[in-house]
Amino acid sequence: MAAHRLGELGRASLVRPPGRPAGDGTGLMKRLLVAAALLFTACAGPRNSLNTPASTCFRGLPAAAAAVGGKAELVGVRRVPTHDLVDKVLQAGRVPPGEVCLVAYRGPFAGGEVAGADPAGPGTYAVVALDDRGSRVLATFVLDQLPVRFRHKI
């Protein structure tokens, strides 16, 4: 092969460079630092939720905006048990039991302006009730006061 023509350059050196004792651990230290860096970046990655009970409800914003005609100001998003809503809005009795996502908009809204709303208005707020995944509109209400407090704003 070509190694015999290269003289000393073609042979592997078995002599350790001066100042580097056997097994000084620099390779191991580098591997540990890389592993730690990978671990920290994996734990600090982006999240796909807000870490609130209402996180899944934000998926329903397009459907809720379409239900009110898309021309009102968003007040907030909230996830509540159905019975809490029924206590404040009698017409919510037709909403299936469990939890619902509520999306509130500030109007004003004229009577009949929000399709399918019961009560139909007039009122200051339109509240859209979505299923607990925020994917389907269950009911809409036009009210003068919000039935629950909305804390999660965009």
N, C-alpha and C. Protein backbone atom coordinates (compact mmCIF):
# COMPACT_ATOMS: atom_id res chain seq x y z
N MET A 1 0.82 -1.18 0.00
CA MET A 1 0.00 0.00 0.00
C MET A 1 0.86 1.25 0.00
N ALA A 2 0.21 2.39 0.06
CA ALA A 2 0.91 3.67 0.02
C ALA A 2 1.56 4.00 1.35
N ALA A 3 1.18 3.33 2.43
CA ALA A 3 1.72 3.64 3.75
C ALA A 3 3.21 3.38 3.83
N HIS A 4 3.72 2.40 3.11
CA HIS A 4 5.15 2.12 3.18
C HIS A 4 5.97 3.21 2.51
N ARG A 5 5.37 3.98 1.61
CA ARG A 5 6.10 5.06 0.95
C ARG A 5 6.05 6.35 1.76
N LEU A 6 5.15 6.46 2.73
CA LEU A 6 5.01 7.68 3.52
C LEU A 6 5.94 7.71 4.72
N GLY A 7 6.58 6.61 4.99
CA GLY A 7 7.48 6.58 6.15
C GLY A 7 6.68 6.67 7.43
N GLU A 8 7.08 7.56 8.32
CA GLU A 8 6.41 7.70 9.61
C GLU A 8 5.01 8.29 9.51
N LEU A 9 4.73 9.02 8.44
CA LEU A 9 3.41 9.64 8.30
C LEU A 9 2.31 8.63 8.09
N GLY A 10 2.61 7.49 7.53
CA GLY A 10 1.59 6.51 7.23
C GLY A 10 1.27 5.58 8.36
N ARG A 11 1.98 5.65 9.46
CA ARG A 11 1.75 4.74 10.58
C ARG A 11 0.99 5.45 11.69
N ALA A 12 0.17 4.69 12.36
CA ALA A 12 -0.55 5.24 13.50
C ALA A 12 0.41 5.43 14.66
N SER A 13 0.31 6.54 15.29
CA SER A 13 1.20 6.85 16.39
C SER A 13 0.65 6.24 17.67
N LEU A 14 1.50 5.55 18.39
CA LEU A 14 1.10 4.97 19.66
C LEU A 14 1.58 5.84 20.82
N VAL A 15 2.24 6.93 20.50
CA VAL A 15 2.77 7.80 21.53
C VAL A 15 1.75 8.90 21.81
N ARG A 16 1.42 9.10 23.07
CA ARG A 16 0.48 10.12 23.50
C ARG A 16 1.17 11.47 23.46
N PRO A 17 0.48 12.53 23.00
CA PRO A 17 1.10 13.86 22.98
C PRO A 17 1.52 14.26 24.39
N PRO A 18 2.59 15.02 24.52
CA PRO A 18 3.05 15.45 25.85
C PRO A 18 2.00 16.32 26.53
N GLY A 19 1.88 16.17 27.85
CA GLY A 19 0.94 16.97 28.63
C GLY A 19 -0.44 16.36 28.71
N ARG A 20 -0.68 15.22 28.07
CA ARG A 20 -2.00 14.57 28.10
C ARG A 20 -1.84 13.19 28.74
N PRO A 21 -2.14 13.07 30.01
CA PRO A 21 -2.02 11.76 30.66
C PRO A 21 -3.09 10.80 30.14
N ALA A 22 -2.87 9.54 30.31
CA ALA A 22 -3.81 8.52 29.86
C ALA A 22 -5.13 8.68 30.59
N GLY A 23 -6.23 8.65 29.83
CA GLY A 23 -7.56 8.70 30.42
C GLY A 23 -7.86 9.98 31.16
N ASP A 24 -7.51 11.14 30.58
CA ASP A 24 -7.76 12.40 31.28
C ASP A 24 -9.23 12.81 31.27
N GLY A 25 -10.08 12.09 30.52
CA GLY A 25 -11.52 12.31 30.59
C GLY A 25 -12.07 13.42 29.73
N THR A 26 -11.28 14.04 28.87
CA THR A 26 -11.81 15.14 28.06
C THR A 26 -12.87 14.65 27.09
N GLY A 27 -12.72 13.46 26.55
CA GLY A 27 -13.74 12.91 25.65
C GLY A 27 -15.04 12.65 26.38
N LEU A 28 -14.92 12.08 27.57
CA LEU A 28 -16.11 11.81 28.37
C LEU A 28 -16.79 13.11 28.78
N MET A 29 -16.03 14.10 29.15
CA MET A 29 -16.59 15.39 29.56
C MET A 29 -17.34 16.04 28.39
N LYS A 30 -16.76 15.97 27.20
CA LYS A 30 -17.44 16.54 26.03
C LYS A 30 -18.75 15.83 25.77
N ARG A 31 -18.77 14.52 25.88
CA ARG A 31 -20.01 13.77 25.65
C ARG A 31 -21.06 14.11 26.69
N LEU A 32 -20.66 14.29 27.92
CA LEU A 32 -21.61 14.66 28.98
C LEU A 32 -22.19 16.05 28.75
N LEU A 33 -21.36 16.98 28.33
CA LEU A 33 -21.85 18.34 28.04
C LEU A 33 -22.84 18.35 26.89
N VAL A 34 -22.56 17.59 25.85
CA VAL A 34 -23.48 17.51 24.70
C VAL A 34 -24.80 16.88 25.14
N ALA A 35 -24.73 15.80 25.93
CA ALA A 35 -25.95 15.15 26.41
C ALA A 35 -26.78 16.11 27.27
N ALA A 36 -26.12 16.86 28.14
CA ALA A 36 -26.84 17.82 28.99
C ALA A 36 -27.49 18.91 28.15
N ALA A 37 -26.78 19.40 27.15
CA ALA A 37 -27.33 20.44 26.28
C ALA A 37 -28.55 19.92 25.53
N LEU A 38 -28.49 18.70 25.05
CA LEU A 38 -29.64 18.12 24.35
C LEU A 38 -30.83 17.94 25.28
N LEU A 39 -30.56 17.53 26.50
CA LEU A 39 -31.63 17.34 27.47
C LEU A 39 -32.32 18.67 27.79
N PHE A 40 -31.55 19.70 28.01
CA PHE A 40 -32.14 21.00 28.35
C PHE A 40 -32.93 21.59 27.19
N THR A 41 -32.44 21.44 25.97
CA THR A 41 -33.18 21.99 24.83
C THR A 41 -34.44 21.19 24.57
N ALA A 42 -34.43 19.90 24.85
CA ALA A 42 -35.64 19.10 24.67
C ALA A 42 -36.71 19.50 25.66
N CYS A 43 -36.33 19.85 26.87
CA CYS A 43 -37.29 20.24 27.90
C CYS A 43 -37.80 21.66 27.71
N ALA A 44 -37.10 22.47 26.96
CA ALA A 44 -37.48 23.88 26.82
C ALA A 44 -38.09 24.15 25.45
N GLY A 45 -38.58 23.13 24.78
CA GLY A 45 -39.15 23.30 23.45
C GLY A 45 -40.47 24.05 23.49
N PRO A 46 -41.00 24.40 22.32
CA PRO A 46 -42.27 25.13 22.25
C PRO A 46 -43.43 24.26 22.73
N ARG A 47 -44.45 24.91 23.23
CA ARG A 47 -45.62 24.21 23.73
C ARG A 47 -46.79 24.48 22.80
N ASN A 48 -47.74 23.54 22.81
CA ASN A 48 -48.90 23.67 21.95
C ASN A 48 -50.16 24.00 22.75
N SER A 49 -50.01 24.45 23.97
CA SER A 49 -51.17 24.81 24.76
C SER A 49 -50.80 25.92 25.74
N LEU A 50 -51.82 26.46 26.36
CA LEU A 50 -51.62 27.55 27.31
C LEU A 50 -51.54 27.04 28.74
N ASN A 51 -51.67 25.72 28.92
CA ASN A 51 -51.67 25.12 30.25
C ASN A 51 -52.78 25.68 31.13
N THR A 52 -53.93 25.92 30.54
CA THR A 52 -55.11 26.32 31.29
C THR A 52 -56.23 25.34 30.93
N PRO A 53 -57.27 25.26 31.75
CA PRO A 53 -58.39 24.39 31.38
C PRO A 53 -59.04 24.80 30.06
N ALA A 54 -58.89 26.04 29.66
CA ALA A 54 -59.51 26.53 28.43
C ALA A 54 -58.65 26.34 27.18
N SER A 55 -57.50 25.69 27.30
CA SER A 55 -56.59 25.56 26.16
C SER A 55 -57.26 24.96 24.94
N THR A 56 -58.01 23.87 25.12
CA THR A 56 -58.65 23.24 23.96
C THR A 56 -59.74 24.13 23.38
N CYS A 57 -60.28 25.03 24.17
CA CYS A 57 -61.35 25.90 23.70
C CYS A 57 -60.88 26.90 22.64
N PHE A 58 -59.61 27.24 22.66
CA PHE A 58 -59.11 28.22 21.70
C PHE A 58 -59.18 27.70 20.27
N ARG A 59 -59.26 26.38 20.11
CA ARG A 59 -59.42 25.81 18.77
C ARG A 59 -60.74 26.23 18.14
N GLY A 60 -61.72 26.55 18.96
CA GLY A 60 -63.04 26.89 18.47
C GLY A 60 -63.23 28.35 18.11
N LEU A 61 -62.19 29.16 18.21
CA LEU A 61 -62.34 30.59 17.90
C LEU A 61 -62.86 30.85 16.48
N PRO A 62 -62.38 30.16 15.46
CA PRO A 62 -62.93 30.43 14.12
C PRO A 62 -64.43 30.11 14.03
N ALA A 63 -64.86 29.00 14.61
CA ALA A 63 -66.28 28.65 14.57
C ALA A 63 -67.11 29.66 15.35
N ALA A 64 -66.60 30.10 16.50
CA ALA A 64 -67.32 31.08 17.31
C ALA A 64 -67.42 32.43 16.59
N ALA A 65 -66.34 32.85 15.96
CA ALA A 65 -66.36 34.12 15.22
C ALA A 65 -67.36 34.05 14.07
N ALA A 66 -67.41 32.92 13.39
CA ALA A 66 -68.37 32.75 12.30
C ALA A 66 -69.81 32.78 12.83
N ALA A 67 -70.03 32.23 14.02
CA ALA A 67 -71.38 32.19 14.59
C ALA A 67 -71.90 33.59 14.91
N VAL A 68 -71.02 34.51 15.27
CA VAL A 68 -71.47 35.88 15.59
C VAL A 68 -71.27 36.84 14.41
N GLY A 69 -70.85 36.33 13.30
CA GLY A 69 -70.70 37.17 12.12
C GLY A 69 -69.33 37.80 11.98
N GLY A 70 -68.42 37.54 12.89
CA GLY A 70 -67.05 38.01 12.77
C GLY A 70 -66.85 39.50 12.90
N LYS A 71 -67.83 40.25 13.41
CA LYS A 71 -67.69 41.70 13.47
C LYS A 71 -67.75 42.27 14.88
N ALA A 72 -67.45 41.44 15.87
CA ALA A 72 -67.51 41.90 17.25
C ALA A 72 -66.14 41.75 17.89
N GLU A 73 -65.97 42.36 19.05
CA GLU A 73 -64.70 42.32 19.78
C GLU A 73 -64.68 41.12 20.73
N LEU A 74 -63.62 40.32 20.65
CA LEU A 74 -63.47 39.16 21.52
C LEU A 74 -63.26 39.62 22.95
N VAL A 75 -64.06 39.07 23.88
CA VAL A 75 -63.93 39.38 25.30
C VAL A 75 -63.06 38.33 25.97
N GLY A 76 -63.30 37.06 25.69
CA GLY A 76 -62.51 36.01 26.31
C GLY A 76 -63.03 34.62 26.03
N VAL A 77 -62.29 33.65 26.54
CA VAL A 77 -62.60 32.23 26.36
C VAL A 77 -62.59 31.58 27.73
N ARG A 78 -63.56 30.69 27.96
CA ARG A 78 -63.65 30.06 29.28
C ARG A 78 -64.25 28.68 29.13
N ARG A 79 -63.78 27.74 29.91
CA ARG A 79 -64.34 26.39 29.96
C ARG A 79 -65.07 26.25 31.29
N VAL A 80 -66.36 25.87 31.23
CA VAL A 80 -67.17 25.78 32.45
C VAL A 80 -68.04 24.53 32.41
N PRO A 81 -68.46 24.05 33.59
CA PRO A 81 -69.46 22.98 33.62
C PRO A 81 -70.79 23.51 33.10
N THR A 82 -71.52 22.68 32.40
CA THR A 82 -72.79 23.11 31.82
C THR A 82 -73.75 23.63 32.88
N HIS A 83 -73.79 22.99 34.06
CA HIS A 83 -74.75 23.43 35.09
C HIS A 83 -74.46 24.85 35.55
N ASP A 84 -73.19 25.30 35.51
CA ASP A 84 -72.89 26.70 35.87
C ASP A 84 -73.50 27.66 34.86
N LEU A 85 -73.49 27.25 33.60
CA LEU A 85 -74.09 28.09 32.55
C LEU A 85 -75.61 28.10 32.67
N VAL A 86 -76.22 26.94 32.93
CA VAL A 86 -77.68 26.84 33.05
C VAL A 86 -78.18 27.67 34.23
N ASP A 87 -77.40 27.75 35.30
CA ASP A 87 -77.80 28.56 36.45
C ASP A 87 -77.96 30.04 36.08
N LYS A 88 -77.20 30.50 35.08
CA LYS A 88 -77.23 31.92 34.70
C LYS A 88 -78.07 32.19 33.45
N VAL A 89 -78.13 31.22 32.54
CA VAL A 89 -78.87 31.38 31.28
C VAL A 89 -79.79 30.17 31.14
N LEU A 90 -81.08 30.38 31.36
CA LEU A 90 -82.03 29.26 31.33
C LEU A 90 -82.05 28.54 29.98
N GLN A 91 -81.86 29.27 28.91
CA GLN A 91 -81.90 28.67 27.58
C GLN A 91 -80.74 27.69 27.36
N ALA A 92 -79.76 27.69 28.22
CA ALA A 92 -78.63 26.78 28.09
C ALA A 92 -78.99 25.36 28.50
N GLY A 93 -80.22 25.15 28.94
CA GLY A 93 -80.66 23.82 29.33
C GLY A 93 -80.59 22.82 28.20
N ARG A 94 -80.62 23.27 26.97
CA ARG A 94 -80.55 22.36 25.81
C ARG A 94 -79.11 21.91 25.51
N VAL A 95 -78.13 22.53 26.16
CA VAL A 95 -76.72 22.16 25.96
C VAL A 95 -76.47 20.85 26.70
N PRO A 96 -75.82 19.87 26.06
CA PRO A 96 -75.58 18.58 26.73
C PRO A 96 -74.80 18.75 28.03
N PRO A 97 -75.05 17.88 29.01
CA PRO A 97 -74.32 17.97 30.29
C PRO A 97 -72.84 17.69 30.11
N GLY A 98 -72.05 18.19 31.03
CA GLY A 98 -70.60 18.04 30.97
C GLY A 98 -69.95 19.40 31.04
N GLU A 99 -68.88 19.57 30.29
CA GLU A 99 -68.20 20.87 30.23
C GLU A 99 -68.36 21.46 28.84
N VAL A 100 -68.45 22.77 28.78
CA VAL A 100 -68.55 23.47 27.50
C VAL A 100 -67.51 24.58 27.45
N CYS A 101 -67.14 24.93 26.26
CA CYS A 101 -66.26 26.07 26.02
C CYS A 101 -67.15 27.26 25.68
N LEU A 102 -66.93 28.37 26.37
CA LEU A 102 -67.68 29.59 26.08
C LEU A 102 -66.73 30.61 25.48
N VAL A 103 -67.18 31.26 24.43
CA VAL A 103 -66.43 32.34 23.79
C VAL A 103 -67.35 33.55 23.79
N ALA A 104 -66.90 34.64 24.37
CA ALA A 104 -67.74 35.83 24.51
C ALA A 104 -67.24 36.95 23.60
N TYR A 105 -68.19 37.66 23.01
CA TYR A 105 -67.90 38.81 22.14
C TYR A 105 -68.72 40.00 22.62
N ARG A 106 -68.14 41.20 22.50
CA ARG A 106 -68.83 42.44 22.85
C ARG A 106 -69.33 43.09 21.57
N GLY A 107 -70.61 43.45 21.56
CA GLY A 107 -71.29 43.99 20.39
C GLY A 107 -71.34 45.50 20.30
N PRO A 108 -72.45 46.10 20.16
CA PRO A 108 -73.81 45.65 20.44
C PRO A 108 -74.37 44.74 19.33
N PHE A 109 -75.37 43.94 19.73
CA PHE A 109 -76.03 43.03 18.81
C PHE A 109 -77.51 43.34 18.78
N ALA A 110 -78.02 43.52 17.57
CA ALA A 110 -79.46 43.77 17.39
C ALA A 110 -80.21 42.44 17.50
N GLY A 111 -81.52 42.52 17.75
CA GLY A 111 -82.35 41.31 17.82
C GLY A 111 -82.28 40.55 16.51
N GLY A 112 -81.97 39.27 16.57
CA GLY A 112 -81.89 38.43 15.38
C GLY A 112 -80.59 38.55 14.60
N GLU A 113 -79.67 39.37 15.04
CA GLU A 113 -78.41 39.57 14.32
C GLU A 113 -77.50 38.34 14.38
N VAL A 114 -77.53 37.62 15.50
CA VAL A 114 -76.73 36.41 15.64
C VAL A 114 -77.63 35.22 15.33
N ALA A 115 -77.33 34.53 14.24
CA ALA A 115 -78.17 33.43 13.77
C ALA A 115 -78.28 32.34 14.83
N GLY A 116 -79.49 31.91 15.10
CA GLY A 116 -79.73 30.81 16.03
C GLY A 116 -79.60 31.16 17.50
N ALA A 117 -79.39 32.42 17.83
CA ALA A 117 -79.22 32.81 19.24
C ALA A 117 -80.54 32.72 19.98
N ASP A 118 -80.49 32.21 21.20
CA ASP A 118 -81.66 32.13 22.07
C ASP A 118 -81.19 32.44 23.48
N PRO A 119 -81.48 33.59 24.05
CA PRO A 119 -82.32 34.65 23.50
C PRO A 119 -81.64 35.36 22.32
N ALA A 120 -82.48 35.87 21.44
CA ALA A 120 -81.99 36.44 20.18
C ALA A 120 -81.49 37.87 20.31
N GLY A 121 -81.72 38.51 21.41
CA GLY A 121 -81.26 39.88 21.59
C GLY A 121 -82.41 40.85 21.56
N PRO A 122 -82.15 42.12 21.57
CA PRO A 122 -80.84 42.78 21.49
C PRO A 122 -80.04 42.62 22.78
N GLY A 123 -78.74 42.84 22.66
CA GLY A 123 -77.88 42.75 23.82
C GLY A 123 -76.48 43.22 23.54
N THR A 124 -75.71 43.35 24.60
CA THR A 124 -74.33 43.84 24.50
C THR A 124 -73.35 42.72 24.17
N TYR A 125 -73.63 41.50 24.63
CA TYR A 125 -72.69 40.39 24.47
C TYR A 125 -73.32 39.24 23.70
N ALA A 126 -72.50 38.58 22.90
CA ALA A 126 -72.87 37.31 22.29
C ALA A 126 -71.95 36.26 22.89
N VAL A 127 -72.54 35.19 23.40
CA VAL A 127 -71.77 34.09 23.99
C VAL A 127 -72.04 32.85 23.16
N VAL A 128 -70.96 32.23 22.71
CA VAL A 128 -71.05 31.02 21.90
C VAL A 128 -70.61 29.85 22.76
N ALA A 129 -71.47 28.82 22.85
CA ALA A 129 -71.14 27.61 23.59
C ALA A 129 -70.67 26.56 22.58
N LEU A 130 -69.46 26.04 22.84
CA LEU A 130 -68.87 25.01 21.98
C LEU A 130 -68.71 23.72 22.78
N ASP A 131 -68.58 22.59 22.09
CA ASP A 131 -68.33 21.34 22.82
C ASP A 131 -66.98 21.44 23.53
N ASP A 132 -66.69 20.49 24.41
CA ASP A 132 -65.50 20.60 25.27
C ASP A 132 -64.18 20.53 24.51
N ARG A 133 -64.21 20.17 23.25
CA ARG A 133 -63.00 20.20 22.41
C ARG A 133 -62.88 21.49 21.62
N GLY A 134 -63.92 22.30 21.68
CA GLY A 134 -63.91 23.56 20.95
C GLY A 134 -64.11 23.38 19.46
N SER A 135 -64.71 22.26 19.05
CA SER A 135 -64.80 21.99 17.62
C SER A 135 -66.20 22.19 17.03
N ARG A 136 -67.25 22.24 17.87
CA ARG A 136 -68.61 22.32 17.34
C ARG A 136 -69.43 23.30 18.15
N VAL A 137 -70.17 24.18 17.46
CA VAL A 137 -71.04 25.15 18.13
C VAL A 137 -72.28 24.42 18.62
N LEU A 138 -72.56 24.56 19.92
CA LEU A 138 -73.74 23.93 20.53
C LEU A 138 -74.90 24.91 20.65
N ALA A 139 -74.61 26.16 20.97
CA ALA A 139 -75.65 27.17 21.16
C ALA A 139 -75.02 28.55 21.15
N THR A 140 -75.85 29.56 20.87
CA THR A 140 -75.40 30.96 20.97
C THR A 140 -76.46 31.73 21.77
N PHE A 141 -75.98 32.73 22.49
CA PHE A 141 -76.86 33.54 23.34
C PHE A 141 -76.48 35.01 23.16
N VAL A 142 -77.46 35.89 23.10
CA VAL A 142 -77.21 37.33 23.11
C VAL A 142 -77.75 37.85 24.44
N LEU A 143 -76.85 38.46 25.22
CA LEU A 143 -77.17 38.84 26.59
C LEU A 143 -76.70 40.26 26.90
N ASP A 144 -77.26 40.85 27.95
CA ASP A 144 -76.80 42.16 28.40
C ASP A 144 -75.65 42.06 29.38
N GLN A 145 -75.52 40.91 30.06
CA GLN A 145 -74.42 40.69 31.00
C GLN A 145 -73.81 39.32 30.72
N LEU A 146 -72.53 39.20 31.00
CA LEU A 146 -71.85 37.92 30.80
C LEU A 146 -72.28 36.94 31.90
N PRO A 147 -72.52 35.68 31.55
CA PRO A 147 -72.96 34.71 32.56
C PRO A 147 -71.85 34.24 33.50
N VAL A 148 -70.61 34.32 33.08
CA VAL A 148 -69.45 33.93 33.90
C VAL A 148 -68.34 34.95 33.66
N ARG A 149 -67.36 34.91 34.52
CA ARG A 149 -66.21 35.81 34.37
C ARG A 149 -65.23 35.21 33.35
N PHE A 150 -64.80 36.03 32.41
CA PHE A 150 -63.85 35.58 31.39
C PHE A 150 -62.47 36.11 31.72
N ARG A 151 -61.54 35.20 32.01
CA ARG A 151 -60.20 35.59 32.43
C ARG A 151 -59.17 35.43 31.34
N HIS A 152 -59.40 34.53 30.42
CA HIS A 152 -58.39 34.20 29.41
C HIS A 152 -58.65 35.02 28.15
N LYS A 153 -57.90 36.11 28.00
CA LYS A 153 -58.05 36.99 26.85
C LYS A 153 -56.92 36.76 25.87
N ILE A 154 -57.17 37.14 24.66
CA ILE A 154 -56.12 37.09 23.64
C ILE A 154 -55.56 38.47 23.46
